[in-house]
Amino acid sequence: MRHIPRQTRKRNPVDISPILLAAILLALVVGLCAVWAVMHWHPVAPTALPGGTWPDRTMTPGAVDQSVTGETICAHDWGAGEPPEAGEGDMTYSKAARHTSASLKDEVFAEYSLVNPHDNGQSYEVDHLVPLSLGGLDVRENLWPESRTGDGMNAWAKDRLEYRLFRLVCDPPPGVPRMALGEAQAAFTPDWVAGYRKYCTADADCPEFGSH
């Protein structure tokens, strides 16, 4: 008897199940999203920060000059004093108020259980929680050693926030309403990092010094 070969069913060259096809498409979408995220990524304030990012509120609650207003803080007629006196000189409030002594800085470091490195501010800035430029007082209750070298929200970032809010109080851009001095001061107490995240939502809002 003549043997007749059995016909075999021709297979589709591409035989992919719907589940596998969906998985491939999902992987492609995830991959494209990852590429887009890398291309558009820029540093943001981290959520986990060193303890030194914030002052100890029992030692540094912040202090402001209650006599300063949104109008007077922008003037250049302050005279040196503790606190400065309006109309008695030709300085900004910040310059007239700044008189932090070396002994006071050593005291601030000691209270925070740190040794003053005496490196001209390269490691730490004995910073004012409420900036002098916004009516903060140059007193112990408004000072703490803030890191200049720590990642993320260090002294350099806080300086950028200070400049941003000073401009909004004294010289806002066209079409932008002037910020109340009290609102600007409140951005630093009780949490200046929250203030940074609120007012520096884009790099252009609070650029590095020399880039604007």
N, C-alpha and C. Protein backbone atom coordinates (compact mmCIF):
# COMPACT_ATOMS: atom_id res chain seq x y z
N MET A 1 0.86 -1.18 0.00
CA MET A 1 0.00 0.00 0.00
C MET A 1 0.90 1.23 0.00
N ARG A 2 0.49 2.16 -0.82
CA ARG A 2 1.27 3.40 -0.93
C ARG A 2 1.02 4.29 0.27
N HIS A 3 2.19 4.76 0.91
CA HIS A 3 2.08 5.62 2.09
C HIS A 3 1.88 7.07 1.68
N ILE A 4 0.83 7.67 2.20
CA ILE A 4 0.54 9.08 1.89
C ILE A 4 0.88 9.90 3.14
N PRO A 5 1.87 10.82 2.99
CA PRO A 5 2.27 11.62 4.18
C PRO A 5 1.12 12.47 4.71
N ARG A 6 1.08 12.52 6.03
CA ARG A 6 0.03 13.30 6.66
C ARG A 6 0.34 14.79 6.57
N GLN A 7 -0.65 15.52 6.17
CA GLN A 7 -0.47 16.97 6.08
C GLN A 7 -0.39 17.60 7.48
N THR A 8 0.55 18.50 7.62
CA THR A 8 0.68 19.23 8.90
C THR A 8 0.10 20.62 8.75
N ARG A 9 -0.48 21.08 9.85
CA ARG A 9 -1.11 22.40 9.82
C ARG A 9 -0.03 23.48 9.79
N LYS A 10 -0.17 24.42 8.87
CA LYS A 10 0.77 25.53 8.78
C LYS A 10 0.56 26.48 9.96
N ARG A 11 1.70 26.80 10.62
CA ARG A 11 1.64 27.71 11.77
C ARG A 11 1.81 29.15 11.32
N ASN A 12 1.10 30.02 11.98
CA ASN A 12 1.24 31.45 11.73
C ASN A 12 2.64 31.87 12.17
N PRO A 13 3.42 32.56 11.30
CA PRO A 13 4.77 32.96 11.69
C PRO A 13 4.80 33.75 13.01
N VAL A 14 3.79 34.52 13.28
CA VAL A 14 3.73 35.27 14.53
C VAL A 14 2.48 34.85 15.27
N ASP A 15 2.68 34.02 16.23
CA ASP A 15 1.54 33.49 16.98
C ASP A 15 1.67 33.93 18.43
N ILE A 16 1.20 35.18 18.74
CA ILE A 16 1.34 35.78 20.07
C ILE A 16 -0.03 35.85 20.73
N SER A 17 -0.07 35.42 21.95
CA SER A 17 -1.33 35.45 22.67
C SER A 17 -1.68 36.89 23.03
N PRO A 18 -2.93 37.19 23.21
CA PRO A 18 -3.33 38.55 23.60
C PRO A 18 -2.68 39.02 24.90
N ILE A 19 -2.50 38.08 25.87
CA ILE A 19 -1.90 38.46 27.15
C ILE A 19 -0.44 38.88 26.95
N LEU A 20 0.31 38.11 26.14
CA LEU A 20 1.71 38.43 25.88
C LEU A 20 1.82 39.76 25.13
N LEU A 21 0.92 39.97 24.17
CA LEU A 21 0.95 41.22 23.42
C LEU A 21 0.70 42.42 24.33
N ALA A 22 -0.25 42.28 25.26
CA ALA A 22 -0.53 43.37 26.20
C ALA A 22 0.68 43.64 27.09
N ALA A 23 1.36 42.58 27.50
CA ALA A 23 2.55 42.75 28.35
C ALA A 23 3.65 43.49 27.60
N ILE A 24 3.83 43.17 26.32
CA ILE A 24 4.86 43.85 25.52
C ILE A 24 4.53 45.33 25.36
N LEU A 25 3.26 45.62 25.07
CA LEU A 25 2.87 47.02 24.91
C LEU A 25 3.06 47.79 26.22
N LEU A 26 2.70 47.15 27.36
CA LEU A 26 2.88 47.81 28.65
C LEU A 26 4.35 48.10 28.92
N ALA A 27 5.22 47.13 28.59
CA ALA A 27 6.66 47.34 28.78
C ALA A 27 7.17 48.49 27.93
N LEU A 28 6.66 48.61 26.71
CA LEU A 28 7.07 49.72 25.84
C LEU A 28 6.65 51.06 26.42
N VAL A 29 5.41 51.11 26.93
CA VAL A 29 4.92 52.37 27.52
C VAL A 29 5.75 52.75 28.73
N VAL A 30 6.04 51.77 29.60
CA VAL A 30 6.85 52.04 30.80
C VAL A 30 8.25 52.51 30.40
N GLY A 31 8.81 51.88 29.37
CA GLY A 31 10.14 52.27 28.91
C GLY A 31 10.17 53.69 28.37
N LEU A 32 9.15 54.05 27.60
CA LEU A 32 9.09 55.41 27.07
C LEU A 32 8.92 56.43 28.18
N CYS A 33 8.10 56.09 29.18
CA CYS A 33 7.92 57.00 30.32
C CYS A 33 9.23 57.18 31.08
N ALA A 34 9.99 56.09 31.23
CA ALA A 34 11.27 56.17 31.94
C ALA A 34 12.25 57.07 31.19
N VAL A 35 12.29 56.93 29.86
CA VAL A 35 13.17 57.77 29.05
C VAL A 35 12.78 59.24 29.18
N TRP A 36 11.47 59.51 29.12
CA TRP A 36 11.00 60.90 29.25
C TRP A 36 11.38 61.47 30.62
N ALA A 37 11.23 60.65 31.67
CA ALA A 37 11.53 61.12 33.02
C ALA A 37 13.01 61.45 33.17
N VAL A 38 13.87 60.62 32.60
CA VAL A 38 15.32 60.89 32.69
C VAL A 38 15.67 62.17 31.96
N MET A 39 15.07 62.38 30.79
CA MET A 39 15.38 63.56 29.98
C MET A 39 14.89 64.84 30.63
N HIS A 40 13.83 64.77 31.43
CA HIS A 40 13.23 65.97 32.02
C HIS A 40 13.47 66.07 33.52
N TRP A 41 14.30 65.22 34.07
CA TRP A 41 14.52 65.22 35.50
C TRP A 41 15.36 66.41 35.93
N HIS A 42 15.02 67.02 37.07
CA HIS A 42 15.89 68.01 37.69
C HIS A 42 15.78 67.85 39.20
N PRO A 43 16.85 68.20 39.91
CA PRO A 43 16.85 67.95 41.36
C PRO A 43 15.71 68.66 42.06
N VAL A 44 15.14 68.00 43.02
CA VAL A 44 14.09 68.60 43.86
C VAL A 44 14.48 68.40 45.31
N ALA A 45 13.79 69.11 46.17
CA ALA A 45 14.08 68.99 47.59
C ALA A 45 13.78 67.57 48.06
N PRO A 46 14.75 66.87 48.61
CA PRO A 46 14.50 65.49 49.07
C PRO A 46 13.57 65.47 50.27
N THR A 47 12.96 64.31 50.48
CA THR A 47 12.04 64.18 51.61
C THR A 47 12.77 63.75 52.87
N ALA A 48 13.87 63.02 52.71
CA ALA A 48 14.66 62.60 53.86
C ALA A 48 15.89 63.48 53.94
N LEU A 49 15.96 64.33 54.94
CA LEU A 49 17.02 65.32 55.05
C LEU A 49 17.76 65.18 56.37
N PRO A 50 19.04 65.58 56.39
CA PRO A 50 19.78 65.54 57.65
C PRO A 50 19.12 66.40 58.71
N GLY A 51 19.28 66.01 59.97
CA GLY A 51 18.65 66.74 61.05
C GLY A 51 19.07 68.20 61.10
N GLY A 52 20.32 68.50 60.70
CA GLY A 52 20.81 69.86 60.73
C GLY A 52 20.15 70.79 59.74
N THR A 53 19.32 70.23 58.86
CA THR A 53 18.61 71.06 57.89
C THR A 53 17.70 72.07 58.60
N TRP A 54 17.09 71.62 59.68
CA TRP A 54 16.20 72.48 60.46
C TRP A 54 16.86 72.83 61.78
N PRO A 55 16.62 74.02 62.29
CA PRO A 55 17.12 74.35 63.63
C PRO A 55 16.29 73.65 64.70
N ASP A 56 16.89 73.49 65.86
CA ASP A 56 16.16 72.99 67.03
C ASP A 56 15.27 74.13 67.51
N ARG A 57 13.96 73.93 67.48
CA ARG A 57 13.03 75.02 67.78
C ARG A 57 13.05 75.44 69.24
N THR A 58 13.57 74.58 70.10
CA THR A 58 13.69 75.01 71.50
C THR A 58 14.82 76.00 71.69
N MET A 59 15.83 75.94 70.81
CA MET A 59 16.95 76.86 70.89
C MET A 59 16.86 77.99 69.87
N THR A 60 16.22 77.70 68.74
CA THR A 60 16.14 78.69 67.66
C THR A 60 14.70 78.80 67.17
N PRO A 61 13.84 79.45 67.93
CA PRO A 61 12.44 79.59 67.50
C PRO A 61 12.26 80.67 66.43
N GLY A 62 13.27 81.52 66.26
CA GLY A 62 13.14 82.65 65.33
C GLY A 62 12.74 83.91 66.06
N ALA A 63 13.14 85.05 65.53
CA ALA A 63 12.80 86.34 66.16
C ALA A 63 12.78 87.41 65.09
N VAL A 64 11.79 88.29 65.16
CA VAL A 64 11.66 89.37 64.18
C VAL A 64 11.55 90.71 64.89
N ASP A 65 11.93 91.75 64.19
CA ASP A 65 11.80 93.12 64.68
C ASP A 65 10.37 93.57 64.41
N GLN A 66 9.58 93.69 65.45
CA GLN A 66 8.16 94.02 65.28
C GLN A 66 7.94 95.43 64.75
N SER A 67 8.95 96.28 64.81
CA SER A 67 8.78 97.66 64.34
C SER A 67 8.95 97.79 62.83
N VAL A 68 9.46 96.76 62.19
CA VAL A 68 9.70 96.81 60.74
C VAL A 68 8.42 96.50 60.00
N THR A 69 8.17 97.23 58.91
CA THR A 69 7.00 97.00 58.07
C THR A 69 7.44 96.67 56.65
N GLY A 70 6.47 96.29 55.82
CA GLY A 70 6.78 95.99 54.43
C GLY A 70 7.31 97.18 53.67
N GLU A 71 6.98 98.38 54.12
CA GLU A 71 7.47 99.58 53.45
C GLU A 71 8.87 99.95 53.94
N THR A 72 9.10 99.88 55.24
CA THR A 72 10.39 100.32 55.78
C THR A 72 11.50 99.33 55.52
N ILE A 73 11.19 98.03 55.41
CA ILE A 73 12.24 97.03 55.22
C ILE A 73 12.97 97.23 53.91
N CYS A 74 12.33 97.86 52.93
CA CYS A 74 12.92 98.03 51.61
C CYS A 74 13.75 99.30 51.51
N ALA A 75 13.73 100.14 52.53
CA ALA A 75 14.43 101.42 52.48
C ALA A 75 15.92 101.24 52.73
N HIS A 76 16.69 102.24 52.32
CA HIS A 76 18.14 102.26 52.54
C HIS A 76 18.50 103.42 53.46
N ASP A 77 17.73 103.61 54.51
CA ASP A 77 17.98 104.72 55.42
C ASP A 77 18.14 104.25 56.86
N TRP A 78 18.58 102.99 57.02
CA TRP A 78 18.70 102.44 58.36
C TRP A 78 20.04 102.78 58.98
N GLY A 79 20.02 103.04 60.28
CA GLY A 79 21.22 103.25 61.05
C GLY A 79 21.51 102.05 61.93
N ALA A 80 22.77 101.73 62.14
CA ALA A 80 23.14 100.56 62.93
C ALA A 80 22.61 100.67 64.35
N GLY A 81 22.20 99.54 64.88
CA GLY A 81 21.68 99.50 66.24
C GLY A 81 21.16 98.14 66.58
N GLU A 82 20.71 97.97 67.81
CA GLU A 82 20.14 96.70 68.25
C GLU A 82 18.76 96.93 68.85
N PRO A 83 17.71 96.99 68.03
CA PRO A 83 17.72 96.79 66.58
C PRO A 83 18.06 98.08 65.82
N PRO A 84 18.22 98.01 64.50
CA PRO A 84 18.52 99.20 63.71
C PRO A 84 17.42 100.25 63.81
N GLU A 85 17.77 101.49 63.47
CA GLU A 85 16.84 102.60 63.56
C GLU A 85 16.56 103.16 62.17
N ALA A 86 15.28 103.25 61.84
CA ALA A 86 14.89 103.77 60.53
C ALA A 86 15.14 105.27 60.45
N GLY A 87 15.60 105.72 59.28
CA GLY A 87 15.82 107.14 59.05
C GLY A 87 17.07 107.69 59.72
N GLU A 88 17.91 106.80 60.26
CA GLU A 88 19.10 107.26 60.98
C GLU A 88 20.41 106.92 60.27
N GLY A 89 20.32 106.53 59.00
CA GLY A 89 21.54 106.17 58.28
C GLY A 89 21.29 105.97 56.81
N ASP A 90 22.21 105.26 56.16
CA ASP A 90 22.10 105.05 54.71
C ASP A 90 22.31 103.58 54.34
N MET A 91 21.98 102.68 55.26
CA MET A 91 22.19 101.26 55.03
C MET A 91 20.86 100.53 54.86
N THR A 92 20.93 99.32 54.29
CA THR A 92 19.77 98.44 54.30
C THR A 92 19.58 97.92 55.72
N TYR A 93 18.38 97.43 56.01
CA TYR A 93 18.14 96.88 57.35
C TYR A 93 19.10 95.72 57.63
N SER A 94 19.31 94.87 56.61
CA SER A 94 20.16 93.71 56.79
C SER A 94 21.57 94.11 57.21
N LYS A 95 22.13 95.10 56.54
CA LYS A 95 23.49 95.53 56.86
C LYS A 95 23.54 96.22 58.22
N ALA A 96 22.53 97.03 58.52
CA ALA A 96 22.51 97.74 59.79
C ALA A 96 22.33 96.81 60.98
N ALA A 97 21.68 95.66 60.75
CA ALA A 97 21.38 94.73 61.85
C ALA A 97 22.48 93.71 62.08
N ARG A 98 23.38 93.53 61.12
CA ARG A 98 24.34 92.43 61.21
C ARG A 98 25.52 92.80 62.11
N HIS A 99 25.60 92.11 63.24
CA HIS A 99 26.71 92.37 64.16
C HIS A 99 27.05 91.11 64.96
N THR A 100 26.79 89.93 64.38
CA THR A 100 27.02 88.67 65.09
C THR A 100 28.49 88.53 65.46
N SER A 101 28.78 88.45 66.72
CA SER A 101 30.17 88.37 67.19
C SER A 101 30.69 86.94 67.06
N ALA A 102 32.02 86.83 67.06
CA ALA A 102 32.65 85.51 67.00
C ALA A 102 32.30 84.69 68.23
N SER A 103 32.22 85.34 69.38
CA SER A 103 31.89 84.61 70.62
C SER A 103 30.46 84.07 70.57
N LEU A 104 29.54 84.84 69.98
CA LEU A 104 28.16 84.37 69.86
C LEU A 104 28.09 83.19 68.91
N LYS A 105 28.86 83.23 67.83
CA LYS A 105 28.88 82.09 66.90
C LYS A 105 29.41 80.84 67.60
N ASP A 106 30.46 81.00 68.41
CA ASP A 106 30.98 79.86 69.16
C ASP A 106 29.92 79.31 70.11
N GLU A 107 29.16 80.21 70.70
CA GLU A 107 28.09 79.79 71.62
C GLU A 107 27.01 78.99 70.88
N VAL A 108 26.67 79.45 69.69
CA VAL A 108 25.66 78.76 68.88
C VAL A 108 26.14 77.35 68.54
N PHE A 109 27.39 77.22 68.10
CA PHE A 109 27.93 75.90 67.79
C PHE A 109 27.91 75.00 69.03
N ALA A 110 28.32 75.54 70.17
CA ALA A 110 28.38 74.74 71.39
C ALA A 110 26.99 74.25 71.79
N GLU A 111 25.98 75.10 71.68
CA GLU A 111 24.63 74.69 72.05
C GLU A 111 24.11 73.59 71.14
N TYR A 112 24.61 73.55 69.90
CA TYR A 112 24.21 72.51 68.97
C TYR A 112 25.17 71.32 68.98
N SER A 113 26.05 71.30 69.99
CA SER A 113 27.01 70.19 70.17
C SER A 113 27.91 70.02 68.95
N LEU A 114 28.32 71.14 68.37
CA LEU A 114 29.24 71.14 67.24
C LEU A 114 30.45 71.99 67.59
N VAL A 115 31.55 71.69 66.92
CA VAL A 115 32.76 72.48 67.10
C VAL A 115 32.87 73.46 65.93
N ASN A 116 33.00 74.72 66.24
CA ASN A 116 33.14 75.73 65.20
C ASN A 116 34.41 75.44 64.40
N PRO A 117 34.31 75.14 63.10
CA PRO A 117 35.51 74.82 62.32
C PRO A 117 36.38 76.03 62.02
N HIS A 118 35.85 77.23 62.21
CA HIS A 118 36.61 78.45 61.94
C HIS A 118 37.25 78.40 60.54
N ASP A 119 36.42 78.07 59.55
CA ASP A 119 36.92 77.97 58.17
C ASP A 119 36.27 79.00 57.26
N ASN A 120 35.95 80.16 57.84
CA ASN A 120 35.35 81.26 57.08
C ASN A 120 34.03 80.87 56.41
N GLY A 121 33.27 80.03 57.08
CA GLY A 121 31.94 79.69 56.59
C GLY A 121 31.89 78.67 55.48
N GLN A 122 32.98 77.95 55.25
CA GLN A 122 32.95 76.95 54.18
C GLN A 122 32.11 75.74 54.57
N SER A 123 32.13 75.36 55.83
CA SER A 123 31.39 74.18 56.28
C SER A 123 30.00 74.53 56.80
N TYR A 124 29.92 75.60 57.59
CA TYR A 124 28.66 76.01 58.19
C TYR A 124 28.47 77.51 58.04
N GLU A 125 27.20 77.90 57.98
CA GLU A 125 26.83 79.30 58.10
C GLU A 125 26.01 79.45 59.37
N VAL A 126 26.47 80.31 60.27
CA VAL A 126 25.64 80.62 61.44
C VAL A 126 24.53 81.52 60.89
N ASP A 127 23.41 80.88 60.61
CA ASP A 127 22.36 81.52 59.81
C ASP A 127 21.24 82.06 60.69
N HIS A 128 20.58 83.07 60.16
CA HIS A 128 19.39 83.63 60.80
C HIS A 128 18.17 82.89 60.25
N LEU A 129 17.39 82.29 61.12
CA LEU A 129 16.20 81.56 60.67
C LEU A 129 15.28 82.49 59.89
N VAL A 130 14.88 83.61 60.48
CA VAL A 130 14.19 84.66 59.73
C VAL A 130 15.27 85.61 59.23
N PRO A 131 15.45 85.75 57.93
CA PRO A 131 16.56 86.52 57.39
C PRO A 131 16.55 87.98 57.85
N LEU A 132 17.74 88.54 58.03
CA LEU A 132 17.84 89.96 58.35
C LEU A 132 17.20 90.81 57.27
N SER A 133 17.32 90.37 56.03
CA SER A 133 16.75 91.14 54.92
C SER A 133 15.24 91.25 54.99
N LEU A 134 14.61 90.38 55.80
CA LEU A 134 13.16 90.40 55.96
C LEU A 134 12.76 90.75 57.40
N GLY A 135 13.64 91.44 58.09
CA GLY A 135 13.30 91.90 59.43
C GLY A 135 13.61 90.96 60.56
N GLY A 136 14.39 89.90 60.28
CA GLY A 136 14.81 89.02 61.36
C GLY A 136 15.82 89.73 62.26
N LEU A 137 15.86 89.35 63.52
CA LEU A 137 16.77 89.97 64.47
C LEU A 137 18.08 89.18 64.55
N ASP A 138 19.16 89.90 64.79
CA ASP A 138 20.48 89.28 64.94
C ASP A 138 20.69 88.94 66.41
N VAL A 139 19.89 87.97 66.89
CA VAL A 139 19.96 87.55 68.29
C VAL A 139 20.07 86.03 68.35
N ARG A 140 20.47 85.53 69.50
CA ARG A 140 20.69 84.09 69.68
C ARG A 140 19.46 83.27 69.29
N GLU A 141 18.28 83.74 69.60
CA GLU A 141 17.05 82.97 69.32
C GLU A 141 16.77 82.82 67.84
N ASN A 142 17.51 83.53 67.01
CA ASN A 142 17.27 83.49 65.57
C ASN A 142 18.46 82.89 64.82
N LEU A 143 19.36 82.22 65.54
CA LEU A 143 20.59 81.71 64.93
C LEU A 143 20.75 80.21 65.11
N TRP A 144 21.32 79.57 64.08
CA TRP A 144 21.72 78.16 64.22
C TRP A 144 22.77 77.84 63.16
N PRO A 145 23.64 76.84 63.42
CA PRO A 145 24.68 76.48 62.45
C PRO A 145 24.08 75.62 61.33
N GLU A 146 23.98 76.19 60.14
CA GLU A 146 23.38 75.51 59.00
C GLU A 146 24.47 75.05 58.04
N SER A 147 24.38 73.80 57.62
CA SER A 147 25.41 73.22 56.77
C SER A 147 25.43 73.87 55.37
N ARG A 148 26.65 74.14 54.89
CA ARG A 148 26.82 74.60 53.51
C ARG A 148 27.18 73.45 52.58
N THR A 149 27.51 72.30 53.12
CA THR A 149 27.99 71.19 52.30
C THR A 149 27.01 70.03 52.23
N GLY A 150 25.97 70.04 53.04
CA GLY A 150 25.00 68.94 53.01
C GLY A 150 24.22 68.90 51.70
N ASP A 151 23.74 67.71 51.37
CA ASP A 151 22.97 67.53 50.14
C ASP A 151 21.59 68.18 50.26
N GLY A 152 21.08 68.64 49.14
CA GLY A 152 19.70 69.12 49.10
C GLY A 152 19.51 70.46 49.75
N MET A 153 18.73 70.50 50.81
CA MET A 153 18.34 71.76 51.43
C MET A 153 19.41 72.25 52.40
N ASN A 154 20.47 72.83 51.86
CA ASN A 154 21.53 73.37 52.70
C ASN A 154 21.44 74.89 52.73
N ALA A 155 22.48 75.54 53.25
CA ALA A 155 22.45 77.00 53.40
C ALA A 155 22.33 77.72 52.07
N TRP A 156 22.90 77.13 51.02
CA TRP A 156 22.83 77.79 49.71
C TRP A 156 21.39 77.83 49.21
N ALA A 157 20.64 76.75 49.42
CA ALA A 157 19.24 76.73 49.00
C ALA A 157 18.43 77.75 49.79
N LYS A 158 18.68 77.85 51.09
CA LYS A 158 17.94 78.82 51.90
C LYS A 158 18.26 80.25 51.46
N ASP A 159 19.51 80.51 51.08
CA ASP A 159 19.87 81.84 50.58
C ASP A 159 19.05 82.20 49.34
N ARG A 160 18.83 81.22 48.48
CA ARG A 160 18.06 81.49 47.26
C ARG A 160 16.60 81.80 47.59
N LEU A 161 16.05 81.09 48.58
CA LEU A 161 14.69 81.38 49.03
C LEU A 161 14.61 82.78 49.61
N GLU A 162 15.59 83.16 50.41
CA GLU A 162 15.61 84.49 51.00
C GLU A 162 15.58 85.57 49.93
N TYR A 163 16.40 85.41 48.90
CA TYR A 163 16.46 86.42 47.84
C TYR A 163 15.13 86.48 47.09
N ARG A 164 14.55 85.32 46.83
CA ARG A 164 13.26 85.25 46.13
C ARG A 164 12.18 86.03 46.89
N LEU A 165 12.09 85.80 48.20
CA LEU A 165 11.03 86.44 48.97
C LEU A 165 11.31 87.93 49.19
N PHE A 166 12.59 88.29 49.34
CA PHE A 166 12.90 89.71 49.46
C PHE A 166 12.46 90.45 48.20
N ARG A 167 12.70 89.86 47.04
CA ARG A 167 12.27 90.50 45.79
C ARG A 167 10.75 90.62 45.72
N LEU A 168 10.03 89.59 46.20
CA LEU A 168 8.58 89.65 46.16
C LEU A 168 8.03 90.70 47.12
N VAL A 169 8.75 90.97 48.20
CA VAL A 169 8.32 92.00 49.15
C VAL A 169 8.67 93.39 48.65
N CYS A 170 9.88 93.55 48.10
CA CYS A 170 10.38 94.89 47.78
C CYS A 170 10.38 95.24 46.30
N ASP A 171 10.51 94.25 45.43
CA ASP A 171 10.62 94.56 44.00
C ASP A 171 10.03 93.42 43.17
N PRO A 172 8.71 93.19 43.29
CA PRO A 172 8.12 92.07 42.56
C PRO A 172 8.13 92.32 41.05
N PRO A 173 8.17 91.27 40.24
CA PRO A 173 8.12 91.42 38.79
C PRO A 173 6.81 92.08 38.36
N PRO A 174 6.79 92.67 37.17
CA PRO A 174 5.56 93.30 36.68
C PRO A 174 4.39 92.31 36.67
N GLY A 175 3.26 92.75 37.19
CA GLY A 175 2.07 91.91 37.21
C GLY A 175 1.98 90.98 38.40
N VAL A 176 3.02 90.93 39.22
CA VAL A 176 3.02 90.07 40.40
C VAL A 176 2.73 90.93 41.63
N PRO A 177 1.71 90.61 42.42
CA PRO A 177 1.39 91.43 43.59
C PRO A 177 2.50 91.39 44.62
N ARG A 178 2.67 92.49 45.33
CA ARG A 178 3.69 92.58 46.37
C ARG A 178 3.32 91.66 47.54
N MET A 179 4.29 90.91 48.02
CA MET A 179 4.06 90.00 49.14
C MET A 179 4.10 90.77 50.45
N ALA A 180 3.22 90.42 51.37
CA ALA A 180 3.24 91.02 52.71
C ALA A 180 4.46 90.53 53.46
N LEU A 181 5.07 91.42 54.23
CA LEU A 181 6.27 91.06 54.97
C LEU A 181 6.01 89.90 55.92
N GLY A 182 4.87 89.90 56.59
CA GLY A 182 4.55 88.82 57.52
C GLY A 182 4.47 87.47 56.83
N GLU A 183 3.95 87.46 55.61
CA GLU A 183 3.86 86.20 54.86
C GLU A 183 5.25 85.69 54.52
N ALA A 184 6.13 86.61 54.13
CA ALA A 184 7.51 86.21 53.81
C ALA A 184 8.22 85.66 55.04
N GLN A 185 8.05 86.31 56.18
CA GLN A 185 8.67 85.83 57.41
C GLN A 185 8.13 84.46 57.80
N ALA A 186 6.84 84.24 57.59
CA ALA A 186 6.22 82.97 57.97
C ALA A 186 6.70 81.81 57.11
N ALA A 187 7.30 82.11 55.95
CA ALA A 187 7.82 81.05 55.10
C ALA A 187 9.01 80.34 55.74
N PHE A 188 9.60 80.95 56.75
CA PHE A 188 10.78 80.37 57.40
C PHE A 188 10.46 79.74 58.75
N THR A 189 9.32 80.08 59.30
CA THR A 189 8.91 79.48 60.57
C THR A 189 7.50 78.91 60.41
N PRO A 190 7.30 77.66 60.79
CA PRO A 190 8.23 76.80 61.50
C PRO A 190 9.11 75.93 60.62
N ASP A 191 8.97 75.99 59.27
CA ASP A 191 9.66 75.03 58.41
C ASP A 191 10.09 75.72 57.12
N TRP A 192 11.36 76.12 57.03
CA TRP A 192 11.81 76.84 55.84
C TRP A 192 11.88 75.94 54.61
N VAL A 193 12.06 74.63 54.82
CA VAL A 193 12.08 73.70 53.68
C VAL A 193 10.70 73.68 53.01
N ALA A 194 9.63 73.71 53.82
CA ALA A 194 8.29 73.79 53.25
C ALA A 194 8.12 75.10 52.50
N GLY A 195 8.71 76.18 53.02
CA GLY A 195 8.67 77.46 52.31
C GLY A 195 9.37 77.37 50.97
N TYR A 196 10.51 76.68 50.94
CA TYR A 196 11.24 76.52 49.67
C TYR A 196 10.39 75.76 48.66
N ARG A 197 9.77 74.70 49.11
CA ARG A 197 8.96 73.90 48.18
C ARG A 197 7.73 74.67 47.69
N LYS A 198 7.28 75.62 48.48
CA LYS A 198 6.11 76.41 48.08
C LYS A 198 6.48 77.52 47.10
N TYR A 199 7.57 78.21 47.35
CA TYR A 199 7.90 79.40 46.56
C TYR A 199 8.98 79.15 45.51
N CYS A 200 9.61 78.00 45.54
CA CYS A 200 10.65 77.68 44.55
C CYS A 200 10.25 76.43 43.79
N THR A 201 9.07 76.44 43.21
CA THR A 201 8.56 75.25 42.52
C THR A 201 9.28 74.98 41.21
N ALA A 202 9.93 75.98 40.64
CA ALA A 202 10.69 75.82 39.40
C ALA A 202 12.09 76.38 39.62
N ASP A 203 13.06 75.85 38.86
CA ASP A 203 14.44 76.31 39.00
C ASP A 203 14.55 77.81 38.77
N ALA A 204 13.75 78.33 37.84
CA ALA A 204 13.83 79.75 37.51
C ALA A 204 13.31 80.64 38.64
N ASP A 205 12.50 80.10 39.53
CA ASP A 205 11.97 80.89 40.64
C ASP A 205 13.08 81.29 41.61
N CYS A 206 13.95 80.35 41.90
CA CYS A 206 15.02 80.57 42.87
C CYS A 206 16.35 80.11 42.28
N PRO A 207 16.85 80.83 41.28
CA PRO A 207 18.09 80.38 40.60
C PRO A 207 19.30 80.52 41.49
N GLU A 208 20.35 79.80 41.12
CA GLU A 208 21.62 79.95 41.83
C GLU A 208 22.15 81.35 41.57
N PHE A 209 22.89 81.87 42.53
CA PHE A 209 23.41 83.22 42.40
C PHE A 209 24.35 83.29 41.20
N GLY A 210 24.22 84.36 40.42
CA GLY A 210 25.05 84.53 39.24
C GLY A 210 24.42 83.99 37.98
N SER A 211 23.26 83.28 38.13
CA SER A 211 22.59 82.70 36.94
C SER A 211 21.36 83.46 36.55
N HIS A 212 21.08 84.62 37.20
CA HIS A 212 19.89 85.38 36.88
C HIS A 212 20.27 86.81 36.55
